[in-house]
Amino acid sequence: MIWVSWIIAILLVLVFIVIVTKVTVYIDLRHAKDNDYYRVTFMAWFKLIRYTYEIPVVKVQKDSNTLLVEEKSGAGENTNKDKWKDYSMEDGLNLLEDAKQFLEHVVGFHTIIRKFLSHIAVRNLKWHTRVGLGDAALSAILVGVVWSAKSGFVHLLDQYMRLKDPPRMTVVPAFQKMWSETIFQCIISFQLGQAILVGLRLVKHWRKIPRFYKPESESKAHSVKT
């Protein structure tokens, strides 16, 4: 039975290592006019484990036929019929009760996420932006709006997470031309055990959400051809 004890001890050590493992995430987001670049790198165990998710180029070509904004989803749905349903007062009360329970679960979901975010540390936040509208007065107004948006975002970030150092932010106006450019970089870190715990809580939380009330015998569906 000694080998069983050794196996249990090894498993406990592995579980402990996983729980205390620190995950570091490097975020690099860049935007310049119609070109975007995104890269997110996950690291653990002194960079021995590394995974990078990267989108090297995202380019919007307004005159290209490769992007069809007019295309719509769900074009195959039958549109020559109108469906009607009759709802009783009881149906309405049940719907209100379902809405109440759903909102309570949303509040619980927010509590779980917020508790997890409070364990996330944010370092080396850099956010540099250059914008312009081709007019000096309008560009100056836009700079003020961007500054306000950035300040609000950082304040919200500081409320939910732990900012370890002051963010470095700039907003540079481009007075004589239309321009939009920004670089956002930061490093976030958290313990893997906290992520696993919040995942288990979310699974438990969503399993408690009631299914919406769907009247069957009390309501009738009618189809009217147009």
C-alpha atoms as a PDB file:
ATOM      1  CA  MET A   1       0.000   0.000   0.000  1.00  0.00           C
ATOM      2  CA  ILE A   2       3.026   2.264   0.124  1.00  0.00           C
ATOM      3  CA  TRP A   3       2.841   2.917  -3.614  1.00  0.00           C
ATOM      4  CA  VAL A   4      -0.796   4.025  -3.224  1.00  0.00           C
ATOM      5  CA  SER A   5       0.288   6.561  -0.624  1.00  0.00           C
ATOM      6  CA  TRP A   6       3.002   7.794  -2.974  1.00  0.00           C
ATOM      7  CA  ILE A   7       0.521   8.190  -5.825  1.00  0.00           C
ATOM      8  CA  ILE A   8      -1.878  10.124  -3.605  1.00  0.00           C
ATOM      9  CA  ALA A   9       0.966  12.327  -2.354  1.00  0.00           C
ATOM     10  CA  ILE A  10       2.151  13.033  -5.912  1.00  0.00           C
ATOM     11  CA  LEU A  11      -1.391  13.871  -7.020  1.00  0.00           C
ATOM     12  CA  LEU A  12      -1.817  16.239  -4.094  1.00  0.00           C
ATOM     13  CA  VAL A  13       1.460  17.952  -4.948  1.00  0.00           C
ATOM     14  CA  LEU A  14       0.409  18.305  -8.596  1.00  0.00           C
ATOM     15  CA  VAL A  15      -2.953  19.743  -7.583  1.00  0.00           C
ATOM     16  CA  PHE A  16      -1.210  22.207  -5.270  1.00  0.00           C
ATOM     17  CA  ILE A  17       1.181  23.248  -8.046  1.00  0.00           C
ATOM     18  CA  VAL A  18      -1.720  23.821 -10.449  1.00  0.00           C
ATOM     19  CA  ILE A  19      -3.626  25.866  -7.875  1.00  0.00           C
ATOM     20  CA  VAL A  20      -0.715  28.180  -7.069  1.00  0.00           C
ATOM     21  CA  THR A  21       0.489  28.455 -10.671  1.00  0.00           C
ATOM     22  CA  LYS A  22       0.688  32.072 -11.734  1.00  0.00           C
ATOM     23  CA  VAL A  23      -0.593  32.828 -15.230  1.00  0.00           C
ATOM     24  CA  THR A  24       0.730  35.953 -16.936  1.00  0.00           C
ATOM     25  CA  VAL A  25      -1.033  37.428 -19.951  1.00  0.00           C
ATOM     26  CA  TYR A  26       0.653  39.916 -22.280  1.00  0.00           C
ATOM     27  CA  ILE A  27      -1.844  41.978 -24.279  1.00  0.00           C
ATOM     28  CA  ASP A  28      -0.820  43.976 -27.346  1.00  0.00           C
ATOM     29  CA  LEU A  29      -3.551  45.693 -29.375  1.00  0.00           C
ATOM     30  CA  ARG A  30      -2.765  48.095 -32.205  1.00  0.00           C
ATOM     31  CA  HIS A  31      -4.992  50.098 -34.510  1.00  0.00           C
ATOM     32  CA  ALA A  32      -3.955  52.428 -37.335  1.00  0.00           C
ATOM     33  CA  LYS A  33      -6.743  53.772 -39.533  1.00  0.00           C
ATOM     34  CA  ASP A  34      -8.232  50.644 -41.147  1.00  0.00           C
ATOM     35  CA  ASN A  35      -5.487  48.249 -40.027  1.00  0.00           C
ATOM     36  CA  ASP A  36      -5.605  46.321 -36.770  1.00  0.00           C
ATOM     37  CA  TYR A  37      -3.185  43.975 -35.040  1.00  0.00           C
ATOM     38  CA  TYR A  38      -3.973  41.832 -31.996  1.00  0.00           C
ATOM     39  CA  ARG A  39      -1.700  39.591 -29.956  1.00  0.00           C
ATOM     40  CA  VAL A  40      -2.365  37.919 -26.605  1.00  0.00           C
ATOM     41  CA  THR A  41       0.311  35.719 -25.019  1.00  0.00           C
ATOM     42  CA  PHE A  42      -0.281  33.409 -22.047  1.00  0.00           C
ATOM     43  CA  MET A  43       2.717  32.332 -19.962  1.00  0.00           C
ATOM     44  CA  ALA A  44       3.215  30.125 -16.911  1.00  0.00           C
ATOM     45  CA  TRP A  45       6.008  28.396 -15.013  1.00  0.00           C
ATOM     46  CA  PHE A  46       8.681  30.992 -15.792  1.00  0.00           C
ATOM     47  CA  LYS A  47       7.735  31.041 -19.500  1.00  0.00           C
ATOM     48  CA  LEU A  48       8.176  27.273 -19.858  1.00  0.00           C
ATOM     49  CA  ILE A  49       4.532  27.127 -20.910  1.00  0.00           C
ATOM     50  CA  ARG A  50       3.660  29.678 -23.540  1.00  0.00           C
ATOM     51  CA  TYR A  51       0.699  30.126 -25.847  1.00  0.00           C
ATOM     52  CA  THR A  52       0.183  33.042 -28.235  1.00  0.00           C
ATOM     53  CA  TYR A  53      -3.021  34.004 -29.973  1.00  0.00           C
ATOM     54  CA  GLU A  54      -2.249  36.408 -32.784  1.00  0.00           C
ATOM     55  CA  ILE A  55      -4.147  38.137 -35.547  1.00  0.00           C
ATOM     56  CA  PRO A  56      -1.365  39.728 -37.576  1.00  0.00           C
ATOM     57  CA  VAL A  57      -3.431  41.917 -39.897  1.00  0.00           C
ATOM     58  CA  VAL A  58      -7.050  42.948 -39.969  1.00  0.00           C
ATOM     59  CA  LYS A  59      -7.624  45.304 -42.859  1.00  0.00           C
ATOM     60  CA  VAL A  60     -10.860  46.844 -43.978  1.00  0.00           C
ATOM     61  CA  GLN A  61     -10.912  47.438 -47.719  1.00  0.00           C
ATOM     62  CA  LYS A  62     -13.889  49.615 -48.494  1.00  0.00           C
ATOM     63  CA  ASP A  63     -13.617  49.196 -52.285  1.00  0.00           C
ATOM     64  CA  SER A  64     -13.020  45.443 -52.204  1.00  0.00           C
ATOM     65  CA  ASN A  65     -15.670  42.876 -53.082  1.00  0.00           C
ATOM     66  CA  THR A  66     -14.358  40.474 -50.445  1.00  0.00           C
ATOM     67  CA  LEU A  67     -16.526  42.098 -47.755  1.00  0.00           C
ATOM     68  CA  LEU A  68     -20.206  42.281 -48.510  1.00  0.00           C
ATOM     69  CA  VAL A  69     -21.950  44.264 -45.808  1.00  0.00           C
ATOM     70  CA  GLU A  70     -25.267  43.869 -47.580  1.00  0.00           C
ATOM     71  CA  GLU A  71     -25.284  40.113 -46.981  1.00  0.00           C
ATOM     72  CA  LYS A  72     -27.781  39.125 -44.350  1.00  0.00           C
ATOM     73  CA  SER A  73     -28.072  35.994 -42.249  1.00  0.00           C
ATOM     74  CA  GLY A  74     -31.282  34.085 -42.010  1.00  0.00           C
ATOM     75  CA  ALA A  75     -32.289  34.806 -45.622  1.00  0.00           C
ATOM     76  CA  GLY A  76     -33.667  31.279 -45.920  1.00  0.00           C
ATOM     77  CA  GLU A  77     -36.301  31.769 -43.265  1.00  0.00           C
ATOM     78  CA  ASN A  78     -39.926  31.587 -44.337  1.00  0.00           C
ATOM     79  CA  THR A  79     -41.243  35.147 -44.425  1.00  0.00           C
ATOM     80  CA  ASN A  80     -44.652  34.611 -46.007  1.00  0.00           C
ATOM     81  CA  LYS A  81     -46.336  33.768 -42.712  1.00  0.00           C
ATOM     82  CA  ASP A  82     -47.093  35.800 -39.618  1.00  0.00           C
ATOM     83  CA  LYS A  83     -47.243  33.863 -36.354  1.00  0.00           C
ATOM     84  CA  TRP A  84     -49.485  34.972 -33.568  1.00  0.00           C
ATOM     85  CA  LYS A  85     -49.797  33.743 -29.998  1.00  0.00           C
ATOM     86  CA  ASP A  86     -52.463  34.315 -27.422  1.00  0.00           C
ATOM     87  CA  TYR A  87     -51.217  35.008 -23.868  1.00  0.00           C
ATOM     88  CA  SER A  88     -53.346  34.933 -20.751  1.00  0.00           C
ATOM     89  CA  MET A  89     -52.869  36.955 -17.574  1.00  0.00           C
ATOM     90  CA  GLU A  90     -51.259  33.898 -15.990  1.00  0.00           C
ATOM     91  CA  ASP A  91     -48.750  33.754 -18.828  1.00  0.00           C
ATOM     92  CA  GLY A  92     -47.817  37.369 -18.165  1.00  0.00           C
ATOM     93  CA  LEU A  93     -47.320  36.755 -14.445  1.00  0.00           C
ATOM     94  CA  ASN A  94     -45.166  33.714 -15.169  1.00  0.00           C
ATOM     95  CA  LEU A  95     -43.085  35.764 -17.588  1.00  0.00           C
ATOM     96  CA  LEU A  96     -42.517  38.437 -14.935  1.00  0.00           C
ATOM     97  CA  GLU A  97     -41.493  35.777 -12.416  1.00  0.00           C
ATOM     98  CA  ASP A  98     -39.020  34.278 -14.894  1.00  0.00           C
ATOM     99  CA  ALA A  99     -37.599  37.741 -15.565  1.00  0.00           C
ATOM    100  CA  LYS A 100     -37.190  38.344 -11.830  1.00  0.00           C
ATOM    101  CA  GLN A 101     -35.345  35.060 -11.324  1.00  0.00           C
ATOM    102  CA  PHE A 102     -33.152  35.712 -14.346  1.00  0.00           C
ATOM    103  CA  LEU A 103     -32.137  39.138 -13.013  1.00  0.00           C
ATOM    104  CA  GLU A 104     -31.280  37.567  -9.661  1.00  0.00           C
ATOM    105  CA  HIS A 105     -29.027  35.086 -11.423  1.00  0.00           C
ATOM    106  CA  VAL A 106     -27.426  37.883 -13.438  1.00  0.00           C
ATOM    107  CA  VAL A 107     -26.587  39.643 -10.181  1.00  0.00           C
ATOM    108  CA  GLY A 108     -25.074  36.407  -8.883  1.00  0.00           C
ATOM    109  CA  PHE A 109     -23.065  36.039 -12.081  1.00  0.00           C
ATOM    110  CA  HIS A 110     -21.754  39.589 -11.700  1.00  0.00           C
ATOM    111  CA  THR A 111     -20.725  38.848  -8.111  1.00  0.00           C
ATOM    112  CA  ILE A 112     -18.736  35.765  -9.146  1.00  0.00           C
ATOM    113  CA  ILE A 113     -16.937  37.587 -11.961  1.00  0.00           C
ATOM    114  CA  ARG A 114     -16.209  40.654  -9.861  1.00  0.00           C
ATOM    115  CA  LYS A 115     -14.682  38.528  -7.097  1.00  0.00           C
ATOM    116  CA  PHE A 116     -12.406  36.855  -9.653  1.00  0.00           C
ATOM    117  CA  LEU A 117     -11.425  40.186 -11.218  1.00  0.00           C
ATOM    118  CA  SER A 118     -10.395  41.471  -7.789  1.00  0.00           C
ATOM    119  CA  HIS A 119      -7.587  38.861  -7.818  1.00  0.00           C
ATOM    120  CA  ILE A 120      -6.226  40.015 -11.193  1.00  0.00           C
ATOM    121  CA  ALA A 121      -3.192  42.305 -11.155  1.00  0.00           C
ATOM    122  CA  VAL A 122      -2.563  44.761 -14.000  1.00  0.00           C
ATOM    123  CA  ARG A 123       0.926  46.076 -14.738  1.00  0.00           C
ATOM    124  CA  ASN A 124       2.670  48.201 -17.364  1.00  0.00           C
ATOM    125  CA  LEU A 125      -0.506  49.605 -18.850  1.00  0.00           C
ATOM    126  CA  LYS A 126       0.345  51.748 -21.867  1.00  0.00           C
ATOM    127  CA  TRP A 127      -2.267  53.433 -24.005  1.00  0.00           C
ATOM    128  CA  HIS A 128      -1.149  55.876 -26.671  1.00  0.00           C
ATOM    129  CA  THR A 129      -3.573  57.413 -29.141  1.00  0.00           C
ATOM    130  CA  ARG A 130      -3.384  59.814 -32.053  1.00  0.00           C
ATOM    131  CA  VAL A 131      -6.589  61.152 -33.573  1.00  0.00           C
ATOM    132  CA  GLY A 132      -7.607  63.872 -35.986  1.00  0.00           C
ATOM    133  CA  LEU A 133     -10.656  65.098 -37.869  1.00  0.00           C
ATOM    134  CA  GLY A 134      -8.946  67.331 -40.410  1.00  0.00           C
ATOM    135  CA  ASP A 135      -9.996  70.450 -38.510  1.00  0.00           C
ATOM    136  CA  ALA A 136      -8.096  71.959 -35.600  1.00  0.00           C
ATOM    137  CA  ALA A 137     -11.138  72.854 -33.498  1.00  0.00           C
ATOM    138  CA  LEU A 138     -12.909  69.534 -34.021  1.00  0.00           C
ATOM    139  CA  SER A 139      -9.679  67.616 -33.406  1.00  0.00           C
ATOM    140  CA  ALA A 140      -9.192  69.434 -30.094  1.00  0.00           C
ATOM    141  CA  ILE A 141     -12.722  68.505 -29.028  1.00  0.00           C
ATOM    142  CA  LEU A 142     -12.122  64.893 -30.046  1.00  0.00           C
ATOM    143  CA  VAL A 143      -8.925  64.783 -27.983  1.00  0.00           C
ATOM    144  CA  GLY A 144     -10.902  65.854 -24.923  1.00  0.00           C
ATOM    145  CA  VAL A 145     -13.520  63.188 -25.564  1.00  0.00           C
ATOM    146  CA  VAL A 146     -10.842  60.500 -25.946  1.00  0.00           C
ATOM    147  CA  TRP A 147      -9.147  61.607 -22.734  1.00  0.00           C
ATOM    148  CA  SER A 148     -12.455  61.377 -20.881  1.00  0.00           C
ATOM    149  CA  ALA A 149     -13.130  57.902 -22.287  1.00  0.00           C
ATOM    150  CA  LYS A 150      -9.664  56.688 -21.324  1.00  0.00           C
ATOM    151  CA  SER A 151      -9.918  58.097 -17.813  1.00  0.00           C
ATOM    152  CA  GLY A 152     -13.306  56.453 -17.336  1.00  0.00           C
ATOM    153  CA  PHE A 153     -11.996  53.110 -18.562  1.00  0.00           C
ATOM    154  CA  VAL A 154      -8.950  53.201 -16.281  1.00  0.00           C
ATOM    155  CA  HIS A 155     -11.111  54.212 -13.316  1.00  0.00           C
ATOM    156  CA  LEU A 156     -13.430  51.276 -14.006  1.00  0.00           C
ATOM    157  CA  LEU A 157     -10.432  48.979 -14.398  1.00  0.00           C
ATOM    158  CA  ASP A 158      -9.042  50.151 -11.067  1.00  0.00           C
ATOM    159  CA  GLN A 159     -12.370  49.435  -9.366  1.00  0.00           C
ATOM    160  CA  TYR A 160     -12.568  45.849 -10.591  1.00  0.00           C
ATOM    161  CA  MET A 161      -8.878  44.875 -10.789  1.00  0.00           C
ATOM    162  CA  ARG A 162      -5.644  45.798  -9.030  1.00  0.00           C
ATOM    163  CA  LEU A 163      -3.553  48.367 -10.851  1.00  0.00           C
ATOM    164  CA  LYS A 164       0.016  47.875  -9.646  1.00  0.00           C
ATOM    165  CA  ASP A 165       1.427  51.039 -11.196  1.00  0.00           C
ATOM    166  CA  PRO A 166       0.050  54.229 -12.749  1.00  0.00           C
ATOM    167  CA  PRO A 167      -0.951  53.829 -16.408  1.00  0.00           C
ATOM    168  CA  ARG A 168       0.970  55.692 -19.083  1.00  0.00           C
ATOM    169  CA  MET A 169      -1.420  57.341 -21.500  1.00  0.00           C
ATOM    170  CA  THR A 170      -1.153  59.969 -24.197  1.00  0.00           C
ATOM    171  CA  VAL A 171      -3.550  61.502 -26.691  1.00  0.00           C
ATOM    172  CA  VAL A 172      -1.893  63.359 -29.555  1.00  0.00           C
ATOM    173  CA  PRO A 173      -3.996  65.449 -31.949  1.00  0.00           C
ATOM    174  CA  ALA A 174      -3.532  65.301 -35.714  1.00  0.00           C
ATOM    175  CA  PHE A 175      -4.930  68.704 -36.632  1.00  0.00           C
ATOM    176  CA  GLN A 176      -4.468  68.704 -40.392  1.00  0.00           C
ATOM    177  CA  LYS A 177      -5.775  65.270 -41.391  1.00  0.00           C
ATOM    178  CA  MET A 178      -8.248  62.517 -40.646  1.00  0.00           C
ATOM    179  CA  TRP A 179      -6.409  60.047 -38.462  1.00  0.00           C
ATOM    180  CA  SER A 180      -7.087  57.254 -35.991  1.00  0.00           C
ATOM    181  CA  GLU A 181      -4.271  55.351 -34.328  1.00  0.00           C
ATOM    182  CA  THR A 182      -3.927  53.698 -30.939  1.00  0.00           C
ATOM    183  CA  ILE A 183      -1.640  51.272 -29.128  1.00  0.00           C
ATOM    184  CA  PHE A 184      -2.839  49.446 -26.025  1.00  0.00           C
ATOM    185  CA  GLN A 185      -0.483  47.225 -24.047  1.00  0.00           C
ATOM    186  CA  CYS A 186      -0.637  45.735 -20.571  1.00  0.00           C
ATOM    187  CA  ILE A 187       0.326  42.700 -18.496  1.00  0.00           C
ATOM    188  CA  ILE A 188      -2.232  40.929 -16.334  1.00  0.00           C
ATOM    189  CA  SER A 189      -1.597  38.061 -13.936  1.00  0.00           C
ATOM    190  CA  PHE A 190      -3.668  35.754 -11.767  1.00  0.00           C
ATOM    191  CA  GLN A 191      -3.449  32.364 -10.086  1.00  0.00           C
ATOM    192  CA  LEU A 192      -4.714  29.409 -12.081  1.00  0.00           C
ATOM    193  CA  GLY A 193      -6.525  28.120  -9.013  1.00  0.00           C
ATOM    194  CA  GLN A 194      -8.668  31.263  -8.939  1.00  0.00           C
ATOM    195  CA  ALA A 195      -9.637  30.749 -12.594  1.00  0.00           C
ATOM    196  CA  ILE A 196     -10.566  27.107 -11.957  1.00  0.00           C
ATOM    197  CA  LEU A 197     -12.608  28.085  -8.916  1.00  0.00           C
ATOM    198  CA  VAL A 198     -14.568  30.750 -10.793  1.00  0.00           C
ATOM    199  CA  GLY A 199     -15.172  28.271 -13.610  1.00  0.00           C
ATOM    200  CA  LEU A 200     -16.691  25.773 -11.184  1.00  0.00           C
ATOM    201  CA  ARG A 201     -18.816  28.491  -9.609  1.00  0.00           C
ATOM    202  CA  LEU A 202     -20.088  29.602 -13.005  1.00  0.00           C
ATOM    203  CA  VAL A 203     -21.052  26.058 -13.947  1.00  0.00           C
ATOM    204  CA  LYS A 204     -22.914  25.678 -10.660  1.00  0.00           C
ATOM    205  CA  HIS A 205     -24.503  29.096 -11.134  1.00  0.00           C
ATOM    206  CA  TRP A 206     -25.793  28.505 -14.662  1.00  0.00           C
ATOM    207  CA  ARG A 207     -27.219  25.115 -13.749  1.00  0.00           C
ATOM    208  CA  LYS A 208     -29.554  26.902 -11.353  1.00  0.00           C
ATOM    209  CA  ILE A 209     -31.004  29.247 -13.971  1.00  0.00           C
ATOM    210  CA  PRO A 210     -34.644  28.303 -14.623  1.00  0.00           C
ATOM    211  CA  ARG A 211     -35.791  27.704 -18.130  1.00  0.00           C
ATOM    212  CA  PHE A 212     -38.146  30.333 -19.470  1.00  0.00           C
ATOM    213  CA  TYR A 213     -41.796  29.605 -19.268  1.00  0.00           C
ATOM    214  CA  LYS A 214     -43.214  28.416 -22.573  1.00  0.00           C
ATOM    215  CA  PRO A 215     -46.994  28.133 -22.574  1.00  0.00           C
ATOM    216  CA  GLU A 216     -48.249  25.039 -24.329  1.00  0.00           C
ATOM    217  CA  SER A 217     -51.872  24.184 -23.661  1.00  0.00           C
ATOM    218  CA  GLU A 218     -52.819  27.687 -22.545  1.00  0.00           C
ATOM    219  CA  SER A 219     -51.539  29.458 -25.681  1.00  0.00           C
ATOM    220  CA  LYS A 220     -52.301  28.900 -29.305  1.00  0.00           C
ATOM    221  CA  ALA A 221     -50.171  29.613 -32.332  1.00  0.00           C
ATOM    222  CA  HIS A 222     -51.756  30.825 -35.502  1.00  0.00           C
ATOM    223  CA  SER A 223     -50.192  31.196 -38.922  1.00  0.00           C
ATOM    224  CA  VAL A 224     -51.558  33.765 -41.316  1.00  0.00           C
ATOM    225  CA  LYS A 225     -50.441  33.752 -44.917  1.00  0.00           C
ATOM    226  CA  THR A 226     -49.729  37.105 -46.438  1.00  0.00           C
END
